[in-house]
Amino acid sequence: MKTIALVNNKAGVGVATMEGVLMKISLLVFCFFLVAFTAHAAVGDRHVEQAGGFSLQAPRGWMFRDFPGLKYQAAVGPAANLFSPNINVVDEVYDGDLKSYVDQNAKNTEKVFVQYTLIKRSSFVTLKGIKGEKMVTTSLMLKNMVRQIFYFFPGSHGKYFVITCTALAEGGDSLDSIFDESMRSFEIIPTTPIQRGVRGAAIGLVFGFIGCTIALLLFFVRTLWKKKGSTPSCLRASEAAVSPTEKQRREDVQRWLRAQEAIDGGKLKGKLPVKPCELSCPKCGATYTPADYIADAPTWLCSNCKSTLQKT
């Protein structure tokens, strides 16, 4: 049966609700009551789930099939009492060690399953040396007691695999050794240097494309800004509403600023031209620049003697 790892993990990976899990488990139990095959013994050929990054050998004669709601194919065995024993695999990312992961699963399955009993919990090691844990349980599903063995294996990058082997509780312990033999064949598919290189190249292409896109956008924005000049956008937006005298004053100021930038950058030789539009106070003779005053102000006052100044 499919068992979703019901862990509130720190990585924030979402999993199905408890009600959804029970519904899926019930539906899958019902499906396995309807499936029948001829009995065989020992393990069969290796089944590879390339997308999941693992492989295993189910008991010989068992068939791997797709089932709704399952990410990977489930192995289905010979029927007994209108029920087919089965093996399914789920995985998820969990931010913690193996022990805490199994602890959380044990607590949550006890809360979710009806008439749940934990018979045994022990360590388990595969033929490839993968160290995991297993839990042997019984519970009531669709008015039938089932015996489930959960095998927990750590993967790479925080991934954990949960393999659930399910049989009817009555006589189900006869399959324990067969399930163990099958689970000892569990292997994690290593990532080859070529695969890592292809993955790295793909990531590099994505970031390279993003970088090029940003660079092009900056180039076009800079080009457009140069074409429109360095006049602030708020002034360009109101340019049509100002008087010709004000437009001329702003242009003079911009020419003066560009000339100063050119001299500071070493592009021009010589002295900076006199700042445009400098006038003198008629009372005290102090110089002032109209660009320093608000054009629409009713009166301009001299900063020296406070007398009224001419605007033009």
Protein backbone atom coordinates (compact mmCIF):
# COMPACT_ATOMS: atom_id res chain seq x y z
CA MET A 1 0.00 0.00 0.00
CA LYS A 2 1.08 3.54 -0.51
CA THR A 3 2.08 5.26 2.66
CA ILE A 4 2.84 8.94 2.53
CA ALA A 5 5.56 10.05 4.92
CA LEU A 6 3.45 12.10 7.34
CA VAL A 7 6.28 14.27 8.61
CA ASN A 8 6.12 17.97 9.44
CA ASN A 9 9.59 18.44 8.02
CA LYS A 10 11.64 21.60 8.39
CA ALA A 11 12.32 21.84 4.68
CA GLY A 12 8.71 22.82 4.16
CA VAL A 13 7.97 20.03 1.65
CA GLY A 14 4.19 19.64 1.37
CA VAL A 15 2.57 16.20 1.69
CA ALA A 16 -0.99 14.97 1.51
CA THR A 17 -3.37 15.50 4.41
CA MET A 18 -4.11 12.57 6.71
CA GLU A 19 -7.62 12.25 5.27
CA GLY A 20 -6.22 12.16 1.74
CA VAL A 21 -3.67 9.53 2.71
CA LEU A 22 -6.33 7.27 4.21
CA MET A 23 -8.50 7.65 1.12
CA LYS A 24 -5.62 6.74 -1.18
CA ILE A 25 -4.62 3.81 1.00
CA SER A 26 -8.19 2.53 1.06
CA LEU A 27 -8.51 2.79 -2.72
CA LEU A 28 -5.22 1.00 -3.28
CA VAL A 29 -6.16 -1.78 -0.83
CA PHE A 30 -9.38 -2.22 -2.77
CA CYS A 31 -7.39 -2.45 -6.03
CA PHE A 32 -5.10 -5.12 -4.61
CA PHE A 33 -8.11 -7.15 -3.50
CA LEU A 34 -9.03 -7.40 -7.19
CA VAL A 35 -5.60 -8.27 -8.63
CA ALA A 36 -4.40 -11.89 -8.82
CA PHE A 37 -1.20 -13.51 -10.14
CA THR A 38 0.48 -16.91 -10.11
CA ALA A 39 2.74 -17.53 -7.11
CA HIS A 40 6.54 -17.65 -7.43
CA ALA A 41 9.53 -17.46 -5.07
CA ALA A 42 12.89 -15.64 -4.70
CA VAL A 43 13.64 -12.26 -6.28
CA GLY A 44 13.18 -11.43 -9.93
CA ASP A 45 14.83 -9.01 -12.33
CA ARG A 46 15.96 -5.60 -11.18
CA HIS A 47 13.42 -2.84 -11.61
CA VAL A 48 14.95 0.61 -12.20
CA GLU A 49 13.22 3.92 -11.47
CA GLN A 50 15.63 6.30 -13.18
CA ALA A 51 13.59 9.38 -12.31
CA GLY A 52 13.48 8.38 -8.65
CA GLY A 53 17.16 7.47 -8.52
CA PHE A 54 16.71 3.93 -7.14
CA SER A 55 16.27 0.30 -8.13
CA LEU A 56 15.15 -2.92 -6.45
CA GLN A 57 14.22 -6.54 -7.10
CA ALA A 58 10.69 -7.63 -6.27
CA PRO A 59 9.93 -11.30 -5.54
CA ARG A 60 10.13 -13.40 -8.69
CA GLY A 61 6.92 -13.41 -10.69
CA TRP A 62 5.63 -10.16 -9.19
CA MET A 63 4.61 -7.50 -11.72
CA PHE A 64 5.33 -3.78 -11.60
CA ARG A 65 2.28 -1.70 -12.49
CA ASP A 66 1.20 1.93 -12.50
CA PHE A 67 -1.44 2.90 -9.95
CA PRO A 68 -3.27 6.24 -9.62
CA GLY A 69 -1.76 8.39 -6.91
CA LEU A 70 1.59 6.59 -6.90
CA LYS A 71 4.71 8.38 -8.16
CA TYR A 72 6.52 5.13 -8.94
CA GLN A 73 5.30 1.73 -10.11
CA ALA A 74 4.16 -0.74 -7.46
CA ALA A 75 5.08 -4.43 -7.43
CA VAL A 76 2.03 -6.71 -7.15
CA GLY A 77 2.22 -10.34 -6.05
CA PRO A 78 0.00 -13.43 -6.25
CA ALA A 79 -3.49 -13.16 -4.79
CA ALA A 80 -4.62 -14.87 -1.62
CA ASN A 81 -8.14 -14.48 -0.21
CA LEU A 82 -8.91 -11.92 -2.92
CA PHE A 83 -5.96 -9.72 -1.89
CA SER A 84 -2.62 -9.24 -3.66
CA PRO A 85 0.44 -8.45 -1.52
CA ASN A 86 2.35 -5.50 -2.86
CA ILE A 87 5.39 -3.24 -2.58
CA ASN A 88 5.43 0.49 -3.25
CA VAL A 89 7.97 3.28 -2.88
CA VAL A 90 7.53 6.94 -1.95
CA ASP A 91 10.14 9.60 -1.26
CA GLU A 92 10.32 13.08 0.22
CA VAL A 93 12.85 15.61 1.47
CA TYR A 94 13.28 15.90 5.23
CA ASP A 95 15.62 18.18 7.18
CA GLY A 96 16.77 15.75 9.87
CA ASP A 97 18.49 12.43 10.52
CA LEU A 98 17.10 8.95 9.91
CA LYS A 99 16.09 8.31 13.51
CA SER A 100 14.03 11.49 13.85
CA TYR A 101 12.43 10.81 10.46
CA VAL A 102 11.33 7.30 11.51
CA ASP A 103 10.21 8.61 14.93
CA GLN A 104 7.88 11.13 13.30
CA ASN A 105 6.49 8.54 10.88
CA ALA A 106 5.85 6.12 13.74
CA LYS A 107 3.92 8.77 15.70
CA ASN A 108 1.84 9.89 12.74
CA THR A 109 0.93 6.42 11.46
CA GLU A 110 -0.27 5.54 14.96
CA LYS A 111 -2.58 8.56 14.85
CA VAL A 112 -3.91 7.90 11.34
CA PHE A 113 -4.35 4.12 11.07
CA VAL A 114 -7.24 2.29 12.74
CA GLN A 115 -6.46 -0.49 15.23
CA TYR A 116 -2.80 0.22 14.64
CA THR A 117 -0.17 -1.94 16.38
CA LEU A 118 3.60 -1.55 16.17
CA ILE A 119 4.96 -5.09 16.36
CA LYS A 120 8.64 -4.42 15.88
CA ARG A 121 11.11 -1.70 14.97
CA SER A 122 14.69 -2.54 14.08
CA SER A 123 17.68 -1.54 11.99
CA PHE A 124 18.05 -2.84 8.44
CA VAL A 125 21.02 -2.94 6.06
CA THR A 126 20.93 -3.61 2.31
CA LEU A 127 23.43 -5.66 0.34
CA LYS A 128 25.02 -2.39 -0.78
CA GLY A 129 25.49 -1.29 2.81
CA ILE A 130 22.68 1.27 2.95
CA LYS A 131 21.74 1.57 6.63
CA GLY A 132 18.06 2.08 7.31
CA GLU A 133 15.26 1.03 9.63
CA LYS A 134 12.13 -1.07 9.36
CA MET A 135 8.82 -1.12 11.22
CA VAL A 136 6.45 -4.09 11.29
CA THR A 137 2.82 -3.05 11.92
CA THR A 138 -0.76 -4.22 11.64
CA SER A 139 -3.87 -2.10 11.11
CA LEU A 140 -7.46 -2.26 9.88
CA MET A 141 -8.18 -1.27 6.28
CA LEU A 142 -11.48 -1.82 4.48
CA LYS A 143 -12.66 -4.20 7.20
CA ASN A 144 -9.52 -6.33 6.79
CA MET A 145 -6.47 -6.50 9.02
CA VAL A 146 -3.30 -5.95 7.03
CA ARG A 147 0.33 -6.47 7.93
CA GLN A 148 2.70 -3.74 6.69
CA ILE A 149 6.47 -3.52 6.89
CA PHE A 150 7.90 -0.04 6.36
CA TYR A 151 11.52 0.21 5.24
CA PHE A 152 13.19 3.62 5.61
CA PHE A 153 16.37 4.45 3.68
CA PRO A 154 18.29 7.74 3.46
CA GLY A 155 19.06 9.07 0.00
CA SER A 156 21.10 12.03 -1.17
CA HIS A 157 20.44 15.76 -0.67
CA GLY A 158 18.05 15.19 2.25
CA LYS A 159 15.81 12.71 0.42
CA TYR A 160 14.35 9.73 2.25
CA PHE A 161 12.79 6.61 0.70
CA VAL A 162 9.90 4.79 2.37
CA ILE A 163 9.16 1.33 0.95
CA THR A 164 5.92 -0.25 2.15
CA CYS A 165 5.34 -4.00 1.88
CA THR A 166 1.71 -4.97 2.51
CA ALA A 167 -0.02 -8.32 2.97
CA LEU A 168 -3.06 -9.62 4.83
CA ALA A 169 -2.39 -9.90 8.55
CA GLU A 170 -3.53 -13.52 8.62
CA GLY A 171 -0.54 -15.49 7.38
CA GLY A 172 1.23 -12.30 6.34
CA ASP A 173 4.26 -13.06 8.46
CA SER A 174 5.14 -15.83 5.97
CA LEU A 175 6.14 -13.09 3.54
CA ASP A 176 8.46 -11.31 5.99
CA SER A 177 11.59 -13.13 4.79
CA ILE A 178 10.62 -12.57 1.15
CA PHE A 179 10.13 -8.85 1.77
CA ASP A 180 13.48 -8.66 3.57
CA GLU A 181 15.24 -10.40 0.69
CA SER A 182 13.66 -8.01 -1.77
CA MET A 183 14.56 -4.93 0.30
CA ARG A 184 18.17 -6.03 0.64
CA SER A 185 18.38 -5.55 -3.12
CA PHE A 186 17.43 -1.87 -2.82
CA GLU A 187 20.06 0.37 -4.41
CA ILE A 188 20.42 4.09 -4.94
CA ILE A 189 21.43 4.92 -8.51
CA PRO A 190 24.64 6.98 -8.37
CA THR A 191 24.89 10.11 -10.44
CA THR A 192 27.62 9.69 -13.06
CA PRO A 193 30.15 12.45 -13.84
CA ILE A 194 28.50 12.87 -17.24
CA GLN A 195 25.08 13.33 -15.65
CA ARG A 196 26.51 15.81 -13.16
CA GLY A 197 28.22 17.63 -16.02
CA VAL A 198 25.03 17.80 -18.08
CA ARG A 199 23.09 19.02 -15.05
CA GLY A 200 25.74 21.62 -14.29
CA ALA A 201 25.83 22.74 -17.91
CA ALA A 202 22.05 23.11 -17.93
CA ILE A 203 22.15 25.21 -14.77
CA GLY A 204 24.97 27.28 -16.23
CA LEU A 205 23.00 27.88 -19.43
CA VAL A 206 19.97 29.03 -17.45
CA PHE A 207 21.96 31.48 -15.34
CA GLY A 208 23.90 32.59 -18.41
CA PHE A 209 20.66 33.31 -20.26
CA ILE A 210 19.34 35.29 -17.30
CA GLY A 211 22.59 37.26 -17.09
CA CYS A 212 22.57 38.04 -20.81
CA THR A 213 18.95 39.15 -20.63
CA ILE A 214 19.70 41.52 -17.76
CA ALA A 215 22.76 42.88 -19.56
CA LEU A 216 20.73 43.54 -22.74
CA LEU A 217 18.01 45.29 -20.77
CA LEU A 218 20.57 47.51 -19.07
CA PHE A 219 22.17 48.27 -22.43
CA PHE A 220 18.87 49.31 -24.01
CA VAL A 221 17.88 51.39 -20.99
CA ARG A 222 21.24 53.13 -21.02
CA THR A 223 21.03 53.78 -24.77
CA LEU A 224 17.51 55.13 -24.45
CA TRP A 225 18.58 57.37 -21.55
CA LYS A 226 21.46 58.78 -23.57
CA LYS A 227 19.17 59.54 -26.50
CA LYS A 228 16.73 61.40 -24.27
CA GLY A 229 19.52 63.21 -22.45
CA SER A 230 20.17 63.47 -18.77
CA THR A 231 17.13 65.60 -18.01
CA PRO A 232 15.16 64.04 -15.14
CA SER A 233 11.95 62.30 -16.18
CA CYS A 234 9.80 64.61 -14.04
CA LEU A 235 11.08 67.60 -16.01
CA ARG A 236 10.69 65.85 -19.38
CA ALA A 237 7.08 64.99 -18.52
CA SER A 238 6.23 68.63 -17.77
CA GLU A 239 8.31 70.13 -20.57
CA ALA A 240 5.31 70.91 -22.75
CA ALA A 241 3.69 72.92 -19.96
CA VAL A 242 6.60 75.29 -19.22
CA SER A 243 7.32 78.61 -20.88
CA PRO A 244 10.01 79.02 -23.60
CA THR A 245 12.13 81.02 -21.12
CA GLU A 246 12.06 78.18 -18.59
CA LYS A 247 12.97 75.64 -21.33
CA GLN A 248 15.95 77.75 -22.31
CA ARG A 249 17.07 78.04 -18.70
CA ARG A 250 16.92 74.28 -18.21
CA GLU A 251 18.84 73.66 -21.42
CA ASP A 252 21.54 76.09 -20.31
CA VAL A 253 21.87 74.31 -16.98
CA GLN A 254 22.11 70.89 -18.67
CA ARG A 255 24.79 72.12 -21.09
CA TRP A 256 26.75 73.50 -18.14
CA LEU A 257 26.48 70.18 -16.24
CA ARG A 258 27.57 68.16 -19.27
CA ALA A 259 30.53 70.45 -19.78
CA GLN A 260 31.56 70.03 -16.15
CA GLU A 261 31.29 66.22 -16.40
CA ALA A 262 33.42 66.26 -19.55
CA ILE A 263 36.13 68.38 -17.87
CA ASP A 264 36.10 66.19 -14.74
CA GLY A 265 36.49 63.13 -16.95
CA GLY A 266 39.37 64.59 -18.90
CA LYS A 267 37.43 64.73 -22.15
CA LEU A 268 37.79 68.50 -22.53
CA LYS A 269 40.79 70.72 -21.94
CA GLY A 270 40.59 74.25 -20.67
CA LYS A 271 38.64 76.05 -18.02
CA LEU A 272 35.04 75.49 -17.19
CA PRO A 273 32.85 78.11 -18.89
CA VAL A 274 31.12 80.64 -16.70
CA LYS A 275 27.95 79.23 -15.26
CA PRO A 276 25.09 80.39 -17.52
CA CYS A 277 22.44 82.93 -16.62
CA GLU A 278 24.36 84.68 -13.80
CA LEU A 279 22.77 88.01 -12.86
CA SER A 280 23.55 90.71 -10.29
CA CYS A 281 21.42 92.06 -7.49
CA PRO A 282 20.37 95.66 -8.41
CA LYS A 283 20.82 96.75 -4.77
CA CYS A 284 23.99 95.09 -3.43
CA GLY A 285 25.54 93.75 -6.65
CA ALA A 286 25.78 90.14 -5.44
CA THR A 287 25.61 87.61 -8.30
CA TYR A 288 22.94 84.94 -8.46
CA THR A 289 21.86 82.20 -10.85
CA PRO A 290 18.20 81.91 -11.87
CA ALA A 291 18.62 78.10 -11.97
CA ASP A 292 18.98 78.18 -8.18
CA TYR A 293 15.48 79.66 -7.75
CA ILE A 294 12.00 78.26 -8.27
CA ALA A 295 10.78 79.63 -11.58
CA ASP A 296 7.13 79.87 -10.53
CA ALA A 297 7.83 81.63 -7.21
CA PRO A 298 6.09 85.04 -6.95
CA THR A 299 9.27 86.80 -5.82
CA TRP A 300 12.99 86.03 -5.81
CA LEU A 301 14.95 87.49 -2.86
CA CYS A 302 18.66 88.20 -2.75
CA SER A 303 20.47 85.87 -0.37
CA ASN A 304 22.71 88.80 0.66
CA CYS A 305 20.44 91.84 1.18
CA LYS A 306 16.98 90.24 0.89
CA SER A 307 15.89 92.66 -1.78
CA THR A 308 13.76 91.66 -4.78
CA LEU A 309 15.68 90.17 -7.73
CA GLN A 310 14.95 90.19 -11.43
CA LYS A 311 13.83 86.84 -12.90
CA THR A 312 15.27 87.49 -16.38
